Protein backbone atom coordinates (compact mmCIF):
# COMPACT_ATOMS: atom_id res chain seq x y z
CA MET A 1 -24.83 1.11 -3.69
CA LYS A 2 -21.50 1.45 -5.45
CA GLU A 3 -19.74 4.80 -5.21
CA GLN A 4 -19.67 6.82 -8.41
CA PRO A 5 -16.38 7.57 -10.20
CA ARG A 6 -14.99 11.10 -10.45
CA SER A 7 -14.07 12.83 -13.69
CA ASP A 8 -10.55 11.34 -13.41
CA GLY A 9 -12.05 7.86 -13.16
CA LYS A 10 -11.27 7.18 -9.49
CA ILE A 11 -13.98 5.96 -7.13
CA VAL A 12 -14.78 8.24 -4.18
CA ARG A 13 -14.73 6.25 -0.94
CA SER A 14 -14.96 9.43 1.15
CA GLU A 15 -14.74 13.16 0.46
CA GLU A 16 -13.36 14.30 3.82
CA PRO A 17 -10.91 12.89 4.50
CA LEU A 18 -10.20 12.29 0.82
CA ASN A 19 -10.05 8.59 -0.07
CA LEU A 20 -10.05 7.66 -3.75
CA GLU A 21 -9.76 4.22 -5.32
CA MET A 22 -8.52 3.26 -8.76
CA PRO A 23 -10.99 0.94 -10.55
CA PHE A 24 -8.68 -2.08 -10.70
CA GLU A 25 -10.09 -3.12 -14.08
CA LYS A 26 -8.23 -0.07 -15.48
CA LEU A 27 -4.89 -1.80 -14.87
CA ASP A 28 -3.06 -1.73 -18.21
CA GLY A 29 0.62 -1.16 -17.47
CA PHE A 30 3.40 -1.83 -15.02
CA ILE A 31 3.42 1.81 -13.88
CA THR A 32 0.17 3.29 -12.56
CA PRO A 33 -0.38 6.80 -13.96
CA THR A 34 -0.33 9.45 -11.25
CA GLU A 35 -3.85 10.59 -12.08
CA SER A 36 -5.11 7.01 -11.55
CA PHE A 37 -3.14 6.26 -8.37
CA TYR A 38 -5.31 5.72 -5.30
CA VAL A 39 -5.38 8.36 -2.55
CA ARG A 40 -5.49 7.58 1.19
CA THR A 41 -5.75 10.33 3.79
CA HIS A 42 -6.72 10.36 7.46
CA PHE A 43 -7.12 14.13 7.84
CA PRO A 44 -7.46 17.11 5.47
CA VAL A 45 -4.60 17.44 2.97
CA PRO A 46 -2.15 20.00 4.42
CA LYS A 47 -1.50 23.18 2.45
CA ILE A 48 2.27 23.60 2.47
CA ASP A 49 4.39 26.44 1.06
CA ARG A 50 7.54 24.84 -0.33
CA THR A 51 9.56 28.01 0.36
CA LYS A 52 8.72 27.89 4.07
CA TRP A 53 8.69 24.13 4.57
CA ARG A 54 11.46 22.55 6.64
CA LEU A 55 12.23 18.95 7.55
CA ARG A 56 13.60 18.58 11.05
CA VAL A 57 15.92 15.72 11.99
CA GLU A 58 16.27 15.19 15.74
CA GLY A 59 16.37 12.67 18.59
CA GLU A 60 19.19 10.24 19.36
CA ILE A 61 21.66 11.91 17.01
CA GLU A 62 24.78 14.02 17.42
CA HIS A 63 23.87 16.85 15.04
CA PRO A 64 20.18 17.87 14.85
CA PHE A 65 19.41 19.94 11.77
CA GLU A 66 16.72 21.29 9.46
CA ILE A 67 16.68 21.07 5.70
CA GLY A 68 14.57 22.89 3.10
CA TYR A 69 12.97 21.75 -0.14
CA ASP A 70 15.57 23.12 -2.55
CA GLU A 71 18.42 21.67 -0.52
CA ILE A 72 16.94 18.19 -0.23
CA THR A 73 16.00 18.00 -3.92
CA ALA A 74 19.57 19.00 -4.82
CA LEU A 75 21.00 16.00 -2.99
CA GLY A 76 21.85 12.79 -4.83
CA SER A 77 18.52 11.14 -5.67
CA ARG A 78 17.65 7.69 -6.92
CA THR A 79 14.54 6.41 -8.71
CA VAL A 80 12.93 3.05 -7.93
CA PRO A 81 9.64 1.40 -8.87
CA ALA A 82 7.66 0.31 -5.82
CA THR A 83 4.15 -0.96 -5.20
CA LEU A 84 2.11 0.72 -2.49
CA GLU A 85 -0.96 -0.98 -1.06
CA CYS A 86 -3.29 0.30 1.63
CA ALA A 87 -3.35 -2.17 4.52
CA GLY A 88 -7.16 -2.25 4.23
CA ASN A 89 -7.32 -3.01 0.51
CA ASN A 90 -10.07 -5.62 -0.22
CA ARG A 91 -11.87 -4.78 3.05
CA ILE A 92 -15.23 -4.75 1.26
CA PHE A 93 -14.94 -8.52 0.76
CA LEU A 94 -14.77 -9.34 4.49
CA GLU A 95 -17.73 -11.07 6.13
CA PRO A 96 -19.19 -10.01 8.45
CA LYS A 97 -18.76 -6.37 7.41
CA VAL A 98 -16.16 -4.37 9.33
CA LYS A 99 -15.53 -0.68 9.95
CA GLY A 100 -13.10 1.31 7.87
CA VAL A 101 -12.85 2.57 4.30
CA GLN A 102 -14.62 0.03 2.10
CA TRP A 103 -11.87 -0.54 -0.43
CA GLU A 104 -12.53 -3.09 -3.15
CA LEU A 105 -9.49 -4.00 -5.31
CA GLY A 106 -7.96 -0.66 -6.24
CA ALA A 107 -6.23 0.70 -3.14
CA VAL A 108 -2.94 -0.34 -4.70
CA GLY A 109 -0.61 0.98 -7.39
CA THR A 110 2.95 0.99 -8.65
CA ALA A 111 4.86 4.19 -9.36
CA GLU A 112 8.41 5.31 -10.00
CA TRP A 113 9.55 7.20 -6.93
CA THR A 114 12.49 9.61 -6.93
CA GLY A 115 14.10 10.75 -3.72
CA VAL A 116 16.96 10.81 -1.28
CA PRO A 117 17.90 7.74 0.76
CA LEU A 118 16.95 8.30 4.40
CA SER A 119 20.35 6.84 5.30
CA MET A 120 22.00 9.92 3.77
CA LEU A 121 20.31 12.24 6.27
CA LEU A 122 20.90 9.86 9.18
CA GLU A 123 24.59 9.73 8.31
CA ARG A 124 24.75 13.51 8.30
CA ALA A 125 22.97 13.57 11.68
CA GLY A 126 25.38 11.14 13.32
CA LEU A 127 23.51 8.28 14.96
CA ARG A 128 24.14 7.59 18.61
CA ALA A 129 24.93 4.06 19.75
CA ASN A 130 21.51 3.65 21.40
CA ALA A 131 19.52 4.49 18.24
CA LEU A 132 16.77 1.88 17.69
CA GLU A 133 13.93 3.24 15.56
CA VAL A 134 13.16 6.16 13.27
CA ILE A 135 9.81 7.92 13.60
CA LEU A 136 8.40 9.53 10.46
CA GLU A 137 5.96 12.34 11.30
CA GLY A 138 3.62 14.00 8.80
CA ALA A 139 2.10 17.46 8.83
CA ASP A 140 -1.45 16.04 8.56
CA ALA A 141 -3.38 16.19 11.82
CA GLY A 142 -6.87 16.18 13.27
CA PRO A 143 -9.07 14.81 16.04
CA LEU A 144 -9.78 11.09 16.32
CA THR A 145 -13.28 9.63 16.57
CA GLU A 146 -12.17 6.55 18.47
CA ALA A 147 -12.80 6.71 22.22
CA LYS A 148 -9.50 4.95 22.93
CA GLY A 149 -7.49 7.52 21.00
CA PRO A 150 -5.77 10.57 22.48
CA GLN A 151 -7.75 13.77 22.78
CA GLY A 152 -7.15 16.85 20.64
CA ASN A 153 -5.38 16.92 17.30
CA VAL A 154 -3.20 13.93 16.51
CA ARG A 155 -0.49 13.91 13.85
CA PHE A 156 -0.03 10.90 11.64
CA ALA A 157 3.27 9.18 12.48
CA ARG A 158 4.81 5.74 12.10
CA SER A 159 8.21 4.26 12.85
CA VAL A 160 10.58 1.89 11.10
CA PRO A 161 13.44 -0.07 12.67
CA LEU A 162 16.85 1.54 12.22
CA GLN A 163 18.05 -1.28 9.98
CA LYS A 164 15.13 -0.85 7.57
CA ALA A 165 15.52 2.94 7.68
CA CYS A 166 19.15 2.68 6.59
CA GLU A 167 18.54 -0.10 4.08
CA ASP A 168 16.07 1.20 1.50
CA VAL A 169 13.72 3.90 2.82
CA LEU A 170 13.51 6.87 0.44
CA LEU A 171 12.48 10.46 1.13
CA VAL A 172 10.62 11.11 -2.08
CA HIS A 173 9.96 14.41 -3.86
CA ARG A 174 8.97 13.11 -7.31
CA MET A 175 6.39 10.56 -8.50
CA ASN A 176 6.43 9.22 -12.05
CA GLY A 177 8.86 11.94 -13.09
CA GLU A 178 6.97 14.95 -11.75
CA ALA A 179 6.90 16.79 -8.42
CA LEU A 180 4.66 15.16 -5.84
CA ARG A 181 1.06 16.30 -5.99
CA ALA A 182 -0.54 17.56 -2.80
CA GLU A 183 -2.68 14.45 -2.26
CA HIS A 184 0.37 12.23 -2.65
CA GLY A 185 2.47 13.99 -0.03
CA PHE A 186 3.98 17.21 -1.42
CA PRO A 187 6.60 18.40 -0.70
CA LEU A 188 8.17 15.22 0.71
CA ARG A 189 7.00 11.76 1.66
CA ALA A 190 8.59 8.51 2.71
CA ILE A 191 8.55 5.35 0.64
CA VAL A 192 9.12 2.21 2.71
CA PRO A 193 9.52 -0.50 0.04
CA GLY A 194 7.77 -3.79 0.68
CA TRP A 195 5.67 -2.47 3.56
CA TYR A 196 2.01 -1.53 3.62
CA ALA A 197 1.54 2.10 2.64
CA MET A 198 0.66 3.44 6.10
CA ALA A 199 4.44 3.35 6.74
CA SER A 200 5.14 5.59 3.72
CA VAL A 201 4.23 8.74 5.64
CA LYS A 202 3.23 11.76 3.54
CA TRP A 203 3.82 15.48 4.11
CA LEU A 204 6.95 14.76 6.16
CA GLN A 205 7.97 17.40 8.67
CA ARG A 206 9.99 15.53 11.31
CA ILE A 207 12.35 12.57 11.49
CA ILE A 208 12.94 11.48 15.07
CA VAL A 209 15.52 8.86 16.01
CA THR A 210 14.51 7.05 19.22
CA ASP A 211 16.13 4.62 21.63
CA ALA A 212 12.85 2.78 22.36
CA PRO A 213 9.99 1.25 20.33
CA TYR A 214 7.47 3.86 19.21
CA THR A 215 4.01 3.33 20.73
CA GLY A 216 1.95 6.03 19.00
CA TYR A 217 -1.72 5.61 18.07
CA TYR A 218 -1.07 4.57 14.45
CA GLN A 219 1.59 2.13 15.60
CA THR A 220 -0.34 0.26 18.27
CA LEU A 221 -4.09 0.88 18.49
CA ASP A 222 -4.47 1.33 14.74
CA TYR A 223 -2.55 -0.38 11.93
CA ALA A 224 -1.78 -3.28 14.24
CA TYR A 225 -2.89 -6.91 14.45
CA TRP A 226 -2.90 -9.69 17.03
CA SER A 227 0.01 -12.12 17.03
CA GLU A 228 0.93 -14.82 19.52
CA THR A 229 4.21 -15.45 21.27
CA ASP A 230 4.50 -18.27 23.85
CA GLY A 231 0.73 -18.49 23.95
CA LEU A 232 0.27 -14.79 24.70
CA ALA A 233 -1.53 -12.50 22.27
CA LYS A 234 -0.05 -9.07 21.64
CA LEU A 235 -0.73 -6.16 19.32
CA THR A 236 1.91 -6.04 16.59
CA PRO A 237 2.44 -3.17 14.13
CA LEU A 238 1.65 -3.92 10.50
CA THR A 239 4.73 -4.00 8.33
CA THR A 240 5.36 -6.28 5.32
CA MET A 241 2.83 -6.60 2.52
CA GLN A 242 1.41 -10.10 2.20
CA LEU A 243 1.62 -12.25 -0.91
CA LYS A 244 -1.46 -11.99 -3.14
CA ALA A 245 -2.78 -11.98 -6.70
CA GLN A 246 -5.73 -9.93 -7.90
CA ILE A 247 -7.86 -10.20 -11.01
CA ALA A 248 -8.30 -6.93 -12.88
CA TYR A 249 -10.38 -8.31 -15.77
CA PRO A 250 -13.05 -9.53 -15.71
CA ALA A 251 -14.22 -7.17 -12.97
CA PRO A 252 -16.49 -8.46 -10.18
CA GLY A 253 -20.09 -8.67 -11.36
CA SER A 254 -19.26 -8.13 -15.02
CA THR A 255 -20.57 -10.09 -18.00
CA VAL A 256 -18.41 -11.96 -20.52
CA PRO A 257 -19.48 -13.60 -23.79
CA ALA A 258 -20.08 -17.35 -23.95
CA GLY A 259 -17.95 -19.60 -26.12
CA GLU A 260 -15.07 -17.19 -26.64
CA MET A 261 -11.42 -16.85 -25.67
CA ILE A 262 -11.11 -14.19 -22.95
CA ARG A 263 -7.91 -12.62 -21.58
CA VAL A 264 -8.05 -12.79 -17.80
CA HIS A 265 -5.36 -10.57 -16.34
CA GLY A 266 -4.21 -8.88 -13.16
CA ALA A 267 -1.22 -8.35 -10.91
CA ALA A 268 0.51 -10.07 -8.01
CA TRP A 269 2.78 -8.68 -5.29
CA GLY A 270 3.99 -9.08 -1.73
CA GLY A 271 7.34 -10.86 -1.96
CA GLU A 272 9.19 -12.53 -4.80
CA VAL A 273 6.27 -13.63 -6.97
CA ALA A 274 7.30 -16.80 -8.78
CA LYS A 275 3.99 -18.17 -10.03
CA VAL A 276 0.36 -17.19 -10.53
CA GLU A 277 -2.42 -19.70 -11.11
CA VAL A 278 -6.03 -19.12 -12.14
CA SER A 279 -9.17 -21.09 -11.39
CA VAL A 280 -12.38 -20.55 -13.39
CA ASP A 281 -14.49 -22.99 -11.35
CA GLY A 282 -14.31 -21.59 -7.83
CA GLY A 283 -11.03 -23.25 -6.88
CA GLU A 284 -11.67 -26.84 -7.99
CA ALA A 285 -8.92 -26.78 -10.63
CA TRP A 286 -5.96 -24.45 -11.16
CA LYS A 287 -4.00 -23.62 -14.31
CA PRO A 288 -0.80 -21.57 -14.67
CA ALA A 289 -0.93 -17.95 -15.80
CA THR A 290 1.82 -16.20 -17.75
CA LEU A 291 3.91 -13.63 -15.88
CA LEU A 292 4.36 -10.47 -17.97
CA ASP A 293 6.83 -8.26 -16.12
CA GLU A 294 10.46 -8.67 -15.19
CA ALA A 295 10.82 -9.39 -11.50
CA LYS A 296 11.78 -6.22 -9.61
CA PRO A 297 12.19 -5.88 -5.85
CA ASN A 298 9.09 -4.57 -4.04
CA ALA A 299 7.05 -4.14 -7.24
CA TRP A 300 4.13 -6.13 -8.60
CA ARG A 301 4.21 -8.49 -11.55
CA ARG A 302 1.37 -8.43 -14.03
CA TRP A 303 0.04 -11.71 -15.39
CA GLU A 304 -2.47 -13.04 -17.95
CA PHE A 305 -4.45 -16.19 -18.63
CA GLN A 306 -6.40 -17.22 -21.72
CA TRP A 307 -9.85 -18.51 -20.73
CA ALA A 308 -12.13 -20.38 -23.09
CA THR A 309 -15.49 -19.37 -21.64
CA PRO A 310 -18.26 -22.00 -21.43
CA ALA A 311 -20.66 -22.30 -24.35
CA LYS A 312 -23.56 -22.31 -21.92
CA ALA A 313 -24.66 -19.16 -20.11
CA GLY A 314 -24.36 -19.07 -16.34
CA ARG A 315 -22.40 -17.84 -13.36
CA GLN A 316 -18.67 -18.53 -13.05
CA ILE A 317 -16.36 -17.94 -10.09
CA LEU A 318 -12.80 -16.90 -10.97
CA MET A 319 -9.88 -16.91 -8.54
CA ALA A 320 -6.18 -16.08 -8.79
CA ARG A 321 -3.46 -17.51 -6.55
CA ALA A 322 0.13 -16.31 -6.20
CA SER A 323 3.12 -18.32 -4.98
CA ASP A 324 6.52 -16.93 -4.07
CA SER A 325 10.07 -18.13 -4.64
CA LYS A 326 9.95 -20.09 -1.36
CA GLY A 327 6.85 -22.05 -2.42
CA ARG A 328 4.41 -20.20 -0.17
CA SER A 329 0.91 -19.48 -1.48
CA GLN A 330 -2.02 -17.36 -0.46
CA PRO A 331 -4.28 -18.67 2.32
CA ALA A 332 -7.79 -19.82 1.50
CA ALA A 333 -9.40 -17.71 4.24
CA HIS A 334 -8.74 -14.46 6.09
CA ASP A 335 -6.99 -14.71 9.45
CA PRO A 336 -9.38 -13.12 11.99
CA ASN A 337 -6.42 -12.00 14.11
CA ARG A 338 -5.61 -9.56 11.30
CA GLY A 339 -8.92 -7.77 11.82
CA SER A 340 -9.70 -5.49 8.86
CA TYR A 341 -6.11 -5.45 7.60
CA MET A 342 -3.64 -7.63 5.66
CA ILE A 343 -6.39 -9.12 3.49
CA SER A 344 -4.52 -11.58 1.32
CA HIS A 345 -6.74 -14.66 1.13
CA LEU A 346 -8.15 -16.00 -2.14
CA LEU A 347 -10.85 -13.67 -3.46
CA PRO A 348 -13.66 -15.19 -5.55
CA ILE A 349 -14.65 -12.98 -8.49
CA THR A 350 -18.15 -13.79 -9.77
CA VAL A 351 -18.94 -13.09 -13.43
CA GLU A 352 -21.87 -13.88 -15.70
CA VAL A 353 -21.33 -15.78 -18.93
CA ALA A 354 -23.99 -14.68 -21.42
């Protein structure tokens, strides 16, 4: 049974913790409106008083310090568009069924994010020569249900390599021109461009510079996948979003009229998208779609395709396929070593022609 939408149009995947999906067929612009943007939480949304909130910067640095909301918002900010995608987006399509939030197509969105470069705070802190990674810790916490997890309350935290931290990570206080809403990380969240959204930690309260790889729960036992090196399998933290294209319209299971010209459209992301192709016969033949948006780093590109639907009623299977500037395309099947994450294979969308 499909979950019912809320008054704001989002689909409730769970109430507590709050997980809300945007119906992907609502895609109609490059920027996703804040009220439509999907929500992913692991624990209850923290209630934070901006006047009492402090961000602590500590670890392998020369000058540990704390900074408040008014001070950090007064620093030199920049605004960038960036696409965020939950690492489990499309999980509902996996067979056999797997555990986790049963996202369909809408655990993804693009917003304009305004904030302070993390590098600015790290420069003020004075990095030591042995600095290796930067841990981003949120204020959200709670007990885990997994037997292999630590006991008691666990805070959500992830790390990024020092190079990535200094390159383009933002500490964001505004989304689409307004202050962050509580469910999106108020008063401050990270945006790690190009990475799956679990790295863009919300409700930031600590930044910890370390001299060793971080091995926390959400870095190793969760939000990780199996990779092989020299024939040995190892758990590897999820990082970069994978190349993919999704169809927004027609929606899965919908009905389209026979013998008419239909605008098939969607979005593609995960690298430098150079081409999108569409198949209306289950992958037997592919035709080029038209890219609509200017290419911007770490942001999706919308596309469209004009489909002359068959004159005869029946079932049709639509698919979209993205290719990047290096000629790489989406895989035909999901890699089982990725478990319930990094779902970027070709997704068949079944519609009825009537």
